[in-house]
Amino acid sequence: MQPQEKIIKTYNATAENYAATRIDELSKKHFDRLILKEFARLNENTGTCADLGCGPGQTTKFLFDAGLRDIIGMDISPVMVKVARRIFPLIKFETADLLALPYRENYFGSAVAFYAIVHFDYHQVDLAFKEVNRVLKKGAHFLFSFHVGEETMHFDKANEIDVDIDLHFLQTDRILKLLDDNKFRIIDTLERLPYPDVEWATKRAYVWAEKVDDAV
């Protein structure tokens, strides 16, 4: 299990560089734009949307522009949140831990978490799904993505910046089982190959789920 402190330290150190290199990445990922636009269309009137693990806010801003005006971007790194607030001053951003969200039960009408679980092992993913379930209303949609595989990669450099962090590849069938365990219904699951010269060369999975009941 990777301590949350490692994630905070890594993204505090890399926040400015991350924003400079990733802020327009969705312009090069047509599938991501398609699914996010549809998510925004279906959820613009369901209540506040949580963008979990929002980084510098690129996905939050895309959803905001697509019609999800009631949205909060959240990241565990306070420096990343500061960067997001500076770049997108009209959008609300908060520092929040995905494993202990500072919101009451049944608060959000929808949630997105693009690559927010990639630093978690399966036990932490289970805890994250329990927490997302807790803060979502019954019937709320949850859309997230991750890298597909079985290995764990350790990084001690990120664009020449010293870091100390693990990235976990995850198996789609195990993720779907954890969702089911935490009272989510699977709406869609899709795996795709990476876009050449745009992103890291890994297979990616996208899962769209619905909260059907409170997790135990």
N, C-alpha and C. Protein backbone atom coordinates (compact mmCIF):
# COMPACT_ATOMS: atom_id res chain seq x y z
N MET A 1 0.84 -1.19 0.00
CA MET A 1 0.00 0.00 0.00
C MET A 1 0.88 1.25 0.00
N GLN A 2 0.63 2.13 -0.93
CA GLN A 2 1.43 3.35 -1.06
C GLN A 2 0.87 4.46 -0.18
N PRO A 3 1.69 5.03 0.70
CA PRO A 3 1.19 6.12 1.56
C PRO A 3 0.72 7.32 0.74
N GLN A 4 -0.36 7.94 1.18
CA GLN A 4 -0.87 9.12 0.50
C GLN A 4 0.16 10.26 0.51
N GLU A 5 1.01 10.28 1.53
CA GLU A 5 2.02 11.32 1.64
C GLU A 5 2.97 11.31 0.44
N LYS A 6 3.26 10.11 -0.08
CA LYS A 6 4.12 10.01 -1.27
C LYS A 6 3.46 10.66 -2.48
N ILE A 7 2.16 10.44 -2.62
CA ILE A 7 1.42 11.01 -3.74
C ILE A 7 1.40 12.53 -3.63
N ILE A 8 1.14 13.02 -2.43
CA ILE A 8 1.12 14.47 -2.21
C ILE A 8 2.47 15.09 -2.54
N LYS A 9 3.53 14.49 -2.03
CA LYS A 9 4.87 15.03 -2.25
C LYS A 9 5.23 15.04 -3.73
N THR A 10 4.91 13.96 -4.44
CA THR A 10 5.22 13.87 -5.86
C THR A 10 4.50 14.93 -6.66
N TYR A 11 3.21 15.09 -6.42
CA TYR A 11 2.44 16.04 -7.24
C TYR A 11 2.62 17.48 -6.79
N ASN A 12 2.99 17.71 -5.56
CA ASN A 12 3.40 19.05 -5.17
C ASN A 12 4.65 19.47 -5.94
N ALA A 13 5.58 18.53 -6.08
CA ALA A 13 6.85 18.83 -6.76
C ALA A 13 6.68 19.01 -8.26
N THR A 14 5.73 18.30 -8.84
CA THR A 14 5.60 18.28 -10.30
C THR A 14 4.43 19.09 -10.83
N ALA A 15 3.71 19.78 -9.98
CA ALA A 15 2.46 20.43 -10.38
C ALA A 15 2.63 21.39 -11.55
N GLU A 16 3.60 22.28 -11.47
CA GLU A 16 3.78 23.27 -12.53
C GLU A 16 4.16 22.60 -13.85
N ASN A 17 5.09 21.65 -13.79
CA ASN A 17 5.50 20.95 -15.00
C ASN A 17 4.36 20.11 -15.57
N TYR A 18 3.61 19.48 -14.69
CA TYR A 18 2.47 18.67 -15.11
C TYR A 18 1.45 19.52 -15.87
N ALA A 19 1.15 20.68 -15.31
CA ALA A 19 0.20 21.58 -15.97
C ALA A 19 0.72 22.04 -17.33
N ALA A 20 1.99 22.37 -17.40
CA ALA A 20 2.55 22.87 -18.65
C ALA A 20 2.51 21.83 -19.76
N THR A 21 2.61 20.55 -19.40
CA THR A 21 2.67 19.50 -20.41
C THR A 21 1.33 18.80 -20.65
N ARG A 22 0.37 18.93 -19.75
CA ARG A 22 -0.87 18.16 -19.86
C ARG A 22 -2.13 19.02 -20.03
N ILE A 23 -2.03 20.31 -19.92
CA ILE A 23 -3.23 21.12 -19.81
C ILE A 23 -4.11 21.04 -21.06
N ASP A 24 -3.51 20.78 -22.24
CA ASP A 24 -4.31 20.70 -23.47
C ASP A 24 -4.38 19.28 -24.02
N GLU A 25 -4.12 18.27 -23.18
CA GLU A 25 -4.03 16.91 -23.69
C GLU A 25 -5.33 16.40 -24.29
N LEU A 26 -6.48 16.86 -23.82
CA LEU A 26 -7.74 16.36 -24.35
C LEU A 26 -7.97 16.76 -25.80
N SER A 27 -7.29 17.80 -26.25
CA SER A 27 -7.42 18.19 -27.66
C SER A 27 -6.86 17.13 -28.60
N LYS A 28 -6.04 16.22 -28.06
CA LYS A 28 -5.41 15.17 -28.86
C LYS A 28 -6.02 13.79 -28.61
N LYS A 29 -7.09 13.73 -27.79
CA LYS A 29 -7.69 12.44 -27.41
C LYS A 29 -9.18 12.47 -27.74
N HIS A 30 -9.51 12.06 -28.96
CA HIS A 30 -10.91 12.25 -29.39
C HIS A 30 -11.87 11.34 -28.64
N PHE A 31 -11.46 10.13 -28.26
CA PHE A 31 -12.39 9.28 -27.52
C PHE A 31 -12.72 9.88 -26.16
N ASP A 32 -11.71 10.39 -25.48
CA ASP A 32 -11.93 11.02 -24.18
C ASP A 32 -12.92 12.17 -24.29
N ARG A 33 -12.76 12.97 -25.35
CA ARG A 33 -13.69 14.10 -25.53
C ARG A 33 -15.11 13.61 -25.76
N LEU A 34 -15.25 12.56 -26.56
CA LEU A 34 -16.59 12.03 -26.85
C LEU A 34 -17.29 11.54 -25.58
N ILE A 35 -16.59 10.75 -24.78
CA ILE A 35 -17.24 10.17 -23.60
C ILE A 35 -17.49 11.24 -22.54
N LEU A 36 -16.59 12.22 -22.42
CA LEU A 36 -16.80 13.29 -21.44
C LEU A 36 -17.96 14.20 -21.86
N LYS A 37 -18.10 14.46 -23.15
CA LYS A 37 -19.22 15.26 -23.62
C LYS A 37 -20.55 14.58 -23.33
N GLU A 38 -20.62 13.26 -23.55
CA GLU A 38 -21.85 12.53 -23.28
C GLU A 38 -22.14 12.48 -21.78
N PHE A 39 -21.08 12.32 -20.99
CA PHE A 39 -21.26 12.33 -19.54
C PHE A 39 -21.81 13.67 -19.07
N ALA A 40 -21.26 14.75 -19.62
CA ALA A 40 -21.75 16.08 -19.26
C ALA A 40 -23.19 16.28 -19.68
N ARG A 41 -23.54 15.81 -20.87
CA ARG A 41 -24.91 15.98 -21.37
C ARG A 41 -25.91 15.27 -20.46
N LEU A 42 -25.58 14.07 -20.02
CA LEU A 42 -26.51 13.29 -19.22
C LEU A 42 -26.57 13.73 -17.76
N ASN A 43 -25.56 14.49 -17.32
CA ASN A 43 -25.49 14.82 -15.90
C ASN A 43 -25.52 16.31 -15.58
N GLU A 44 -25.83 17.14 -16.57
CA GLU A 44 -25.79 18.58 -16.31
C GLU A 44 -26.87 19.03 -15.35
N ASN A 45 -27.92 18.22 -15.15
CA ASN A 45 -29.00 18.61 -14.25
C ASN A 45 -29.18 17.64 -13.08
N THR A 46 -28.15 16.88 -12.76
CA THR A 46 -28.27 15.87 -11.69
C THR A 46 -27.67 16.35 -10.37
N GLY A 47 -27.13 17.55 -10.33
CA GLY A 47 -26.49 18.04 -9.12
C GLY A 47 -24.99 18.23 -9.31
N THR A 48 -24.30 18.53 -8.25
CA THR A 48 -22.87 18.83 -8.31
C THR A 48 -22.08 17.61 -8.76
N CYS A 49 -21.14 17.84 -9.67
CA CYS A 49 -20.24 16.79 -10.14
C CYS A 49 -18.89 16.94 -9.45
N ALA A 50 -18.32 15.82 -9.04
CA ALA A 50 -16.98 15.81 -8.44
C ALA A 50 -15.98 15.29 -9.47
N ASP A 51 -14.95 16.10 -9.77
CA ASP A 51 -13.84 15.62 -10.60
C ASP A 51 -12.72 15.24 -9.65
N LEU A 52 -12.59 13.95 -9.39
CA LEU A 52 -11.68 13.44 -8.37
C LEU A 52 -10.29 13.20 -8.95
N GLY A 53 -9.27 13.68 -8.25
CA GLY A 53 -7.91 13.60 -8.77
C GLY A 53 -7.76 14.48 -9.99
N CYS A 54 -8.21 15.72 -9.88
CA CYS A 54 -8.36 16.61 -11.05
C CYS A 54 -7.05 17.15 -11.60
N GLY A 55 -5.95 17.05 -10.84
CA GLY A 55 -4.69 17.61 -11.31
C GLY A 55 -4.83 19.11 -11.54
N PRO A 56 -4.26 19.62 -12.65
CA PRO A 56 -4.34 21.06 -12.92
C PRO A 56 -5.68 21.50 -13.50
N GLY A 57 -6.63 20.57 -13.60
CA GLY A 57 -7.99 20.97 -13.95
C GLY A 57 -8.40 20.85 -15.40
N GLN A 58 -7.62 20.16 -16.21
CA GLN A 58 -7.95 20.10 -17.63
C GLN A 58 -9.27 19.37 -17.90
N THR A 59 -9.53 18.28 -17.18
CA THR A 59 -10.79 17.56 -17.37
C THR A 59 -11.96 18.34 -16.74
N THR A 60 -11.71 18.95 -15.61
CA THR A 60 -12.73 19.78 -14.96
C THR A 60 -13.19 20.88 -15.90
N LYS A 61 -12.24 21.55 -16.52
CA LYS A 61 -12.56 22.64 -17.45
C LYS A 61 -13.32 22.12 -18.67
N PHE A 62 -12.92 20.98 -19.19
CA PHE A 62 -13.62 20.42 -20.35
C PHE A 62 -15.08 20.13 -20.00
N LEU A 63 -15.32 19.51 -18.85
CA LEU A 63 -16.68 19.21 -18.43
C LEU A 63 -17.48 20.49 -18.17
N PHE A 64 -16.84 21.48 -17.58
CA PHE A 64 -17.47 22.78 -17.33
C PHE A 64 -17.93 23.40 -18.64
N ASP A 65 -17.06 23.40 -19.64
CA ASP A 65 -17.40 23.97 -20.94
C ASP A 65 -18.44 23.15 -21.68
N ALA A 66 -18.53 21.84 -21.35
CA ALA A 66 -19.50 20.95 -22.00
C ALA A 66 -20.87 21.02 -21.35
N GLY A 67 -21.02 21.83 -20.31
CA GLY A 67 -22.33 22.03 -19.71
C GLY A 67 -22.44 21.68 -18.25
N LEU A 68 -21.41 21.04 -17.68
CA LEU A 68 -21.44 20.71 -16.25
C LEU A 68 -20.91 21.91 -15.46
N ARG A 69 -21.74 22.94 -15.35
CA ARG A 69 -21.29 24.17 -14.69
C ARG A 69 -21.18 24.01 -13.18
N ASP A 70 -21.94 23.09 -12.61
CA ASP A 70 -21.88 22.83 -11.17
C ASP A 70 -20.90 21.69 -10.93
N ILE A 71 -19.63 22.02 -10.86
CA ILE A 71 -18.58 21.02 -10.76
C ILE A 71 -17.50 21.49 -9.79
N ILE A 72 -16.93 20.55 -9.06
CA ILE A 72 -15.82 20.84 -8.15
C ILE A 72 -14.67 19.92 -8.52
N GLY A 73 -13.52 20.51 -8.82
CA GLY A 73 -12.31 19.73 -9.04
C GLY A 73 -11.59 19.50 -7.72
N MET A 74 -11.15 18.27 -7.49
CA MET A 74 -10.50 17.93 -6.21
C MET A 74 -9.20 17.18 -6.47
N ASP A 75 -8.18 17.52 -5.69
CA ASP A 75 -6.91 16.82 -5.79
C ASP A 75 -6.26 16.77 -4.41
N ILE A 76 -5.50 15.72 -4.16
CA ILE A 76 -4.85 15.56 -2.86
C ILE A 76 -3.66 16.49 -2.71
N SER A 77 -3.14 17.00 -3.83
CA SER A 77 -1.98 17.89 -3.79
C SER A 77 -2.43 19.36 -3.69
N PRO A 78 -2.12 20.03 -2.59
CA PRO A 78 -2.52 21.44 -2.47
C PRO A 78 -1.84 22.34 -3.50
N VAL A 79 -0.64 21.98 -3.93
CA VAL A 79 0.03 22.78 -4.95
C VAL A 79 -0.67 22.62 -6.29
N MET A 80 -1.09 21.40 -6.61
CA MET A 80 -1.83 21.16 -7.84
C MET A 80 -3.14 21.94 -7.83
N VAL A 81 -3.81 21.98 -6.70
CA VAL A 81 -5.06 22.74 -6.59
C VAL A 81 -4.79 24.23 -6.78
N LYS A 82 -3.70 24.72 -6.23
CA LYS A 82 -3.34 26.13 -6.40
C LYS A 82 -3.10 26.45 -7.87
N VAL A 83 -2.44 25.55 -8.58
CA VAL A 83 -2.20 25.74 -10.02
C VAL A 83 -3.53 25.74 -10.78
N ALA A 84 -4.41 24.80 -10.47
CA ALA A 84 -5.71 24.73 -11.14
C ALA A 84 -6.52 26.00 -10.92
N ARG A 85 -6.52 26.51 -9.70
CA ARG A 85 -7.26 27.74 -9.41
C ARG A 85 -6.70 28.92 -10.19
N ARG A 86 -5.39 28.95 -10.37
CA ARG A 86 -4.77 30.05 -11.12
C ARG A 86 -5.12 29.98 -12.60
N ILE A 87 -5.10 28.77 -13.17
CA ILE A 87 -5.35 28.61 -14.60
C ILE A 87 -6.83 28.77 -14.93
N PHE A 88 -7.69 28.26 -14.05
CA PHE A 88 -9.14 28.29 -14.29
C PHE A 88 -9.85 28.95 -13.11
N PRO A 89 -9.76 30.27 -13.01
CA PRO A 89 -10.28 30.96 -11.82
C PRO A 89 -11.79 30.94 -11.67
N LEU A 90 -12.52 30.59 -12.71
CA LEU A 90 -13.99 30.58 -12.62
C LEU A 90 -14.54 29.26 -12.11
N ILE A 91 -13.66 28.27 -11.92
CA ILE A 91 -14.09 26.94 -11.50
C ILE A 91 -13.63 26.70 -10.05
N LYS A 92 -14.44 25.98 -9.30
CA LYS A 92 -14.12 25.69 -7.90
C LYS A 92 -13.20 24.48 -7.81
N PHE A 93 -12.11 24.63 -7.08
CA PHE A 93 -11.16 23.53 -6.83
C PHE A 93 -10.90 23.44 -5.34
N GLU A 94 -10.81 22.20 -4.84
CA GLU A 94 -10.58 21.96 -3.43
C GLU A 94 -9.51 20.88 -3.23
N THR A 95 -8.77 20.98 -2.14
CA THR A 95 -7.86 19.91 -1.75
C THR A 95 -8.67 18.82 -1.04
N ALA A 96 -8.56 17.58 -1.52
CA ALA A 96 -9.35 16.49 -0.95
C ALA A 96 -8.66 15.16 -1.21
N ASP A 97 -8.78 14.27 -0.26
CA ASP A 97 -8.23 12.92 -0.32
C ASP A 97 -9.32 11.97 -0.78
N LEU A 98 -9.09 11.26 -1.87
CA LEU A 98 -10.08 10.34 -2.42
C LEU A 98 -10.47 9.24 -1.43
N LEU A 99 -9.60 8.95 -0.47
CA LEU A 99 -9.91 7.91 0.51
C LEU A 99 -10.64 8.47 1.74
N ALA A 100 -10.78 9.79 1.80
CA ALA A 100 -11.49 10.41 2.94
C ALA A 100 -12.02 11.77 2.48
N LEU A 101 -13.03 11.76 1.65
CA LEU A 101 -13.56 12.99 1.07
C LEU A 101 -14.30 13.83 2.11
N PRO A 102 -14.07 15.14 2.10
CA PRO A 102 -14.67 16.01 3.13
C PRO A 102 -16.09 16.46 2.78
N TYR A 103 -16.93 15.50 2.42
CA TYR A 103 -18.31 15.80 2.05
C TYR A 103 -19.24 14.80 2.71
N ARG A 104 -20.47 15.23 2.94
CA ARG A 104 -21.45 14.36 3.60
C ARG A 104 -21.95 13.29 2.62
N GLU A 105 -22.66 12.33 3.16
CA GLU A 105 -23.25 11.27 2.36
C GLU A 105 -24.24 11.83 1.34
N ASN A 106 -24.28 11.21 0.17
CA ASN A 106 -25.27 11.54 -0.87
C ASN A 106 -25.19 13.00 -1.32
N TYR A 107 -23.99 13.54 -1.37
CA TYR A 107 -23.83 14.96 -1.70
C TYR A 107 -23.79 15.20 -3.21
N PHE A 108 -23.10 14.34 -3.95
CA PHE A 108 -22.83 14.62 -5.36
C PHE A 108 -23.80 13.89 -6.28
N GLY A 109 -24.11 14.56 -7.41
CA GLY A 109 -24.97 13.98 -8.41
C GLY A 109 -24.24 13.16 -9.45
N SER A 110 -22.93 13.30 -9.52
CA SER A 110 -22.10 12.52 -10.44
C SER A 110 -20.64 12.69 -10.05
N ALA A 111 -19.78 11.83 -10.59
CA ALA A 111 -18.35 11.92 -10.30
C ALA A 111 -17.54 11.38 -11.47
N VAL A 112 -16.39 11.99 -11.67
CA VAL A 112 -15.41 11.57 -12.68
C VAL A 112 -14.07 11.40 -11.98
N ALA A 113 -13.30 10.41 -12.43
CA ALA A 113 -11.98 10.18 -11.83
C ALA A 113 -11.04 9.61 -12.89
N PHE A 114 -10.59 10.48 -13.81
CA PHE A 114 -9.69 10.02 -14.86
C PHE A 114 -8.29 9.80 -14.29
N TYR A 115 -7.86 8.55 -14.26
CA TYR A 115 -6.54 8.13 -13.79
C TYR A 115 -6.29 8.50 -12.32
N ALA A 116 -7.34 8.64 -11.55
CA ALA A 116 -7.19 9.01 -10.14
C ALA A 116 -6.83 7.83 -9.25
N ILE A 117 -7.01 6.59 -9.76
CA ILE A 117 -6.73 5.42 -8.92
C ILE A 117 -5.43 4.72 -9.31
N VAL A 118 -4.63 5.33 -10.17
CA VAL A 118 -3.46 4.62 -10.70
C VAL A 118 -2.33 4.46 -9.68
N HIS A 119 -2.37 5.17 -8.59
CA HIS A 119 -1.35 5.01 -7.54
C HIS A 119 -1.85 4.14 -6.39
N PHE A 120 -2.99 3.49 -6.57
CA PHE A 120 -3.58 2.65 -5.53
C PHE A 120 -3.40 1.17 -5.86
N ASP A 121 -3.21 0.36 -4.82
CA ASP A 121 -3.34 -1.09 -4.98
C ASP A 121 -4.83 -1.44 -4.87
N TYR A 122 -5.15 -2.73 -5.01
CA TYR A 122 -6.57 -3.10 -5.04
C TYR A 122 -7.28 -2.82 -3.72
N HIS A 123 -6.58 -2.95 -2.62
CA HIS A 123 -7.21 -2.63 -1.34
C HIS A 123 -7.59 -1.14 -1.28
N GLN A 124 -6.69 -0.28 -1.75
CA GLN A 124 -6.98 1.15 -1.75
C GLN A 124 -8.08 1.49 -2.76
N VAL A 125 -8.09 0.80 -3.90
CA VAL A 125 -9.17 1.02 -4.87
C VAL A 125 -10.52 0.67 -4.24
N ASP A 126 -10.56 -0.42 -3.51
CA ASP A 126 -11.78 -0.81 -2.81
C ASP A 126 -12.22 0.28 -1.84
N LEU A 127 -11.28 0.82 -1.07
CA LEU A 127 -11.59 1.91 -0.14
C LEU A 127 -12.08 3.15 -0.89
N ALA A 128 -11.44 3.44 -2.04
CA ALA A 128 -11.85 4.60 -2.83
C ALA A 128 -13.27 4.43 -3.35
N PHE A 129 -13.61 3.24 -3.84
CA PHE A 129 -14.97 3.00 -4.34
C PHE A 129 -16.00 3.12 -3.22
N LYS A 130 -15.65 2.66 -2.03
CA LYS A 130 -16.56 2.82 -0.89
C LYS A 130 -16.80 4.30 -0.61
N GLU A 131 -15.73 5.09 -0.69
CA GLU A 131 -15.85 6.51 -0.39
C GLU A 131 -16.63 7.24 -1.48
N VAL A 132 -16.38 6.90 -2.74
CA VAL A 132 -17.15 7.50 -3.83
C VAL A 132 -18.63 7.15 -3.69
N ASN A 133 -18.91 5.89 -3.37
CA ASN A 133 -20.29 5.48 -3.14
C ASN A 133 -20.93 6.32 -2.04
N ARG A 134 -20.19 6.55 -0.96
CA ARG A 134 -20.72 7.27 0.19
C ARG A 134 -21.18 8.68 -0.20
N VAL A 135 -20.38 9.38 -1.01
CA VAL A 135 -20.69 10.78 -1.30
C VAL A 135 -21.63 10.96 -2.49
N LEU A 136 -21.89 9.88 -3.24
CA LEU A 136 -22.80 9.97 -4.38
C LEU A 136 -24.24 9.71 -3.97
N LYS A 137 -25.17 10.39 -4.64
CA LYS A 137 -26.58 10.09 -4.49
C LYS A 137 -26.90 8.76 -5.17
N LYS A 138 -27.94 8.10 -4.74
CA LYS A 138 -28.40 6.88 -5.40
C LYS A 138 -28.79 7.22 -6.84
N GLY A 139 -28.32 6.43 -7.78
CA GLY A 139 -28.58 6.68 -9.19
C GLY A 139 -27.54 7.54 -9.86
N ALA A 140 -26.57 8.06 -9.10
CA ALA A 140 -25.53 8.93 -9.66
C ALA A 140 -24.55 8.12 -10.52
N HIS A 141 -24.03 8.77 -11.55
CA HIS A 141 -23.09 8.14 -12.46
C HIS A 141 -21.65 8.42 -12.02
N PHE A 142 -20.78 7.43 -12.27
CA PHE A 142 -19.37 7.50 -11.90
C PHE A 142 -18.56 7.01 -13.10
N LEU A 143 -17.73 7.90 -13.66
CA LEU A 143 -16.92 7.60 -14.84
C LEU A 143 -15.45 7.73 -14.47
N PHE A 144 -14.66 6.69 -14.76
CA PHE A 144 -13.24 6.76 -14.41
C PHE A 144 -12.40 5.96 -15.40
N SER A 145 -11.09 6.14 -15.33
CA SER A 145 -10.17 5.45 -16.24
C SER A 145 -8.91 5.04 -15.50
N PHE A 146 -8.18 4.09 -16.10
CA PHE A 146 -6.95 3.60 -15.49
C PHE A 146 -6.12 2.87 -16.55
N HIS A 147 -4.88 2.55 -16.21
CA HIS A 147 -4.00 1.78 -17.08
C HIS A 147 -4.23 0.29 -16.84
N VAL A 148 -4.33 -0.48 -17.92
CA VAL A 148 -4.66 -1.90 -17.82
C VAL A 148 -3.40 -2.75 -17.79
N GLY A 149 -3.36 -3.69 -16.86
CA GLY A 149 -2.23 -4.62 -16.80
C GLY A 149 -2.10 -5.21 -15.41
N GLU A 150 -0.94 -5.79 -15.14
CA GLU A 150 -0.71 -6.45 -13.86
C GLU A 150 0.51 -5.92 -13.12
N GLU A 151 1.35 -5.16 -13.80
CA GLU A 151 2.61 -4.76 -13.19
C GLU A 151 2.48 -3.48 -12.36
N THR A 152 3.49 -3.25 -11.55
CA THR A 152 3.64 -1.99 -10.82
C THR A 152 4.97 -1.38 -11.24
N MET A 153 4.95 -0.11 -11.60
CA MET A 153 6.16 0.59 -12.02
C MET A 153 6.53 1.63 -10.99
N HIS A 154 7.83 1.71 -10.68
CA HIS A 154 8.31 2.72 -9.74
C HIS A 154 9.00 3.84 -10.52
N PHE A 155 8.76 5.08 -10.12
CA PHE A 155 9.37 6.24 -10.76
C PHE A 155 10.16 7.03 -9.72
N ASP A 156 11.40 7.35 -10.06
CA ASP A 156 12.18 8.24 -9.20
C ASP A 156 12.50 9.55 -9.91
N LYS A 157 12.06 9.67 -11.16
CA LYS A 157 12.19 10.92 -11.91
C LYS A 157 10.92 11.15 -12.71
N ALA A 158 10.49 12.39 -12.81
CA ALA A 158 9.39 12.79 -13.68
C ALA A 158 9.78 14.10 -14.34
N ASN A 159 10.14 14.01 -15.64
CA ASN A 159 10.63 15.21 -16.35
C ASN A 159 11.77 15.88 -15.58
N GLU A 160 12.73 15.05 -15.17
CA GLU A 160 13.95 15.49 -14.47
C GLU A 160 13.70 15.98 -13.04
N ILE A 161 12.50 15.83 -12.55
CA ILE A 161 12.19 16.19 -11.16
C ILE A 161 12.25 14.92 -10.32
N ASP A 162 12.91 15.00 -9.17
CA ASP A 162 13.01 13.84 -8.29
C ASP A 162 11.64 13.52 -7.68
N VAL A 163 11.24 12.25 -7.81
CA VAL A 163 9.99 11.78 -7.21
C VAL A 163 10.24 10.40 -6.61
N ASP A 164 9.26 9.91 -5.90
CA ASP A 164 9.31 8.56 -5.32
C ASP A 164 7.89 8.04 -5.27
N ILE A 165 7.48 7.34 -6.35
CA ILE A 165 6.07 6.96 -6.45
C ILE A 165 5.91 5.71 -7.31
N ASP A 166 4.91 4.93 -6.97
CA ASP A 166 4.56 3.74 -7.74
C ASP A 166 3.30 3.99 -8.55
N LEU A 167 3.27 3.41 -9.75
CA LEU A 167 2.07 3.44 -10.59
C LEU A 167 1.60 2.01 -10.78
N HIS A 168 0.35 1.76 -10.47
CA HIS A 168 -0.21 0.41 -10.54
C HIS A 168 -1.05 0.25 -11.80
N PHE A 169 -0.71 -0.76 -12.59
CA PHE A 169 -1.59 -1.20 -13.66
C PHE A 169 -2.65 -2.11 -13.03
N LEU A 170 -3.87 -2.05 -13.54
CA LEU A 170 -4.98 -2.75 -12.90
C LEU A 170 -5.72 -3.61 -13.93
N GLN A 171 -6.26 -4.73 -13.47
CA GLN A 171 -7.01 -5.64 -14.33
C GLN A 171 -8.48 -5.26 -14.33
N THR A 172 -9.02 -5.11 -15.52
CA THR A 172 -10.39 -4.61 -15.64
C THR A 172 -11.40 -5.49 -14.92
N ASP A 173 -11.25 -6.82 -15.02
CA ASP A 173 -12.24 -7.68 -14.38
C ASP A 173 -12.21 -7.54 -12.86
N ARG A 174 -11.04 -7.32 -12.28
CA ARG A 174 -10.95 -7.13 -10.83
C ARG A 174 -11.56 -5.79 -10.42
N ILE A 175 -11.37 -4.79 -11.25
CA ILE A 175 -11.97 -3.48 -10.96
C ILE A 175 -13.50 -3.56 -11.02
N LEU A 176 -14.03 -4.27 -12.00
CA LEU A 176 -15.48 -4.42 -12.11
C LEU A 176 -16.05 -5.18 -10.92
N LYS A 177 -15.30 -6.17 -10.43
CA LYS A 177 -15.75 -6.91 -9.24
C LYS A 177 -15.80 -6.00 -8.03
N LEU A 178 -14.80 -5.13 -7.86
CA LEU A 178 -14.79 -4.20 -6.74
C LEU A 178 -15.95 -3.21 -6.83
N LEU A 179 -16.27 -2.78 -8.03
CA LEU A 179 -17.43 -1.90 -8.21
C LEU A 179 -18.71 -2.60 -7.79
N ASP A 180 -18.87 -3.83 -8.23
CA ASP A 180 -20.05 -4.60 -7.86
C ASP A 180 -20.12 -4.79 -6.34
N ASP A 181 -18.98 -5.07 -5.72
CA ASP A 181 -18.94 -5.24 -4.27
C ASP A 181 -19.40 -3.98 -3.54
N ASN A 182 -19.16 -2.82 -4.19
CA ASN A 182 -19.49 -1.55 -3.56
C ASN A 182 -20.77 -0.92 -4.12
N LYS A 183 -21.65 -1.79 -4.63
CA LYS A 183 -23.02 -1.39 -5.00
C LYS A 183 -23.08 -0.43 -6.18
N PHE A 184 -22.22 -0.68 -7.17
CA PHE A 184 -22.30 0.03 -8.43
C PHE A 184 -22.75 -0.94 -9.53
N ARG A 185 -23.57 -0.44 -10.44
CA ARG A 185 -23.96 -1.19 -11.64
C ARG A 185 -23.11 -0.71 -12.81
N ILE A 186 -22.56 -1.62 -13.57
CA ILE A 186 -21.72 -1.26 -14.71
C ILE A 186 -22.61 -0.86 -15.88
N ILE A 187 -22.41 0.33 -16.40
CA ILE A 187 -23.14 0.78 -17.58
C ILE A 187 -22.32 0.50 -18.84
N ASP A 188 -21.07 0.92 -18.85
CA ASP A 188 -20.18 0.71 -20.00
C ASP A 188 -18.77 0.41 -19.51
N THR A 189 -18.07 -0.43 -20.27
CA THR A 189 -16.65 -0.68 -20.06
C THR A 189 -15.98 -0.74 -21.42
N LEU A 190 -14.89 -0.01 -21.57
CA LEU A 190 -14.18 -0.01 -22.84
C LEU A 190 -12.68 0.07 -22.59
N GLU A 191 -11.93 -0.72 -23.34
CA GLU A 191 -10.47 -0.63 -23.32
C GLU A 191 -9.99 -0.12 -24.67
N ARG A 192 -8.96 0.74 -24.66
CA ARG A 192 -8.42 1.23 -25.92
C ARG A 192 -6.90 1.24 -25.87
N LEU A 193 -6.30 1.21 -27.06
CA LEU A 193 -4.86 1.35 -27.19
C LEU A 193 -4.48 2.83 -27.09
N PRO A 194 -3.23 3.12 -26.76
CA PRO A 194 -2.83 4.53 -26.61
C PRO A 194 -2.77 5.26 -27.94
N TYR A 195 -2.92 6.58 -27.88
CA TYR A 195 -2.72 7.42 -29.05
C TYR A 195 -1.22 7.64 -29.25
N PRO A 196 -0.65 7.24 -30.38
CA PRO A 196 0.79 7.39 -30.61
C PRO A 196 1.23 8.86 -30.53
N ASP A 197 2.38 9.07 -29.94
CA ASP A 197 3.00 10.40 -29.83
C ASP A 197 2.19 11.38 -28.99
N VAL A 198 1.15 10.88 -28.29
CA VAL A 198 0.32 11.76 -27.47
C VAL A 198 0.40 11.36 -26.00
N GLU A 199 0.40 10.06 -25.74
CA GLU A 199 0.35 9.59 -24.36
C GLU A 199 1.25 8.37 -24.19
N TRP A 200 1.48 8.04 -22.95
CA TRP A 200 2.28 6.90 -22.58
C TRP A 200 1.70 5.62 -23.19
N ALA A 201 2.57 4.73 -23.68
CA ALA A 201 2.14 3.58 -24.48
C ALA A 201 1.58 2.45 -23.61
N THR A 202 0.39 2.68 -23.04
CA THR A 202 -0.29 1.66 -22.24
C THR A 202 -1.73 1.51 -22.72
N LYS A 203 -2.28 0.32 -22.54
CA LYS A 203 -3.71 0.13 -22.78
C LYS A 203 -4.47 0.81 -21.64
N ARG A 204 -5.59 1.45 -21.98
CA ARG A 204 -6.38 2.17 -20.99
C ARG A 204 -7.80 1.61 -20.92
N ALA A 205 -8.38 1.67 -19.75
CA ALA A 205 -9.77 1.24 -19.58
C ALA A 205 -10.60 2.41 -19.07
N TYR A 206 -11.85 2.47 -19.55
CA TYR A 206 -12.82 3.46 -19.12
C TYR A 206 -14.04 2.70 -18.60
N VAL A 207 -14.50 3.07 -17.43
CA VAL A 207 -15.66 2.41 -16.85
C VAL A 207 -16.68 3.48 -16.46
N TRP A 208 -17.92 3.26 -16.87
CA TRP A 208 -19.04 4.14 -16.55
C TRP A 208 -19.99 3.31 -15.70
N ALA A 209 -20.23 3.75 -14.47
CA ALA A 209 -21.03 2.97 -13.53
C ALA A 209 -22.10 3.85 -12.91
N GLU A 210 -23.04 3.20 -12.24
CA GLU A 210 -24.12 3.89 -11.54
C GLU A 210 -24.25 3.35 -10.11
N LYS A 211 -24.36 4.25 -9.14
CA LYS A 211 -24.60 3.82 -7.77
C LYS A 211 -26.03 3.32 -7.64
N VAL A 212 -26.18 2.07 -7.21
CA VAL A 212 -27.52 1.51 -7.08
C VAL A 212 -27.97 1.38 -5.62
N ASP A 213 -27.01 1.46 -4.69
CA ASP A 213 -27.35 1.35 -3.28
C ASP A 213 -26.16 1.82 -2.47
N ASP A 214 -26.35 2.00 -1.17
CA ASP A 214 -25.24 2.36 -0.29
C ASP A 214 -24.35 1.14 -0.06
N ALA A 215 -23.03 1.36 -0.11
CA ALA A 215 -22.09 0.28 0.18
C ALA A 215 -22.10 -0.01 1.68
N VAL A 216 -21.85 -1.25 2.02
CA VAL A 216 -21.83 -1.64 3.43
C VAL A 216 -20.49 -1.25 4.05
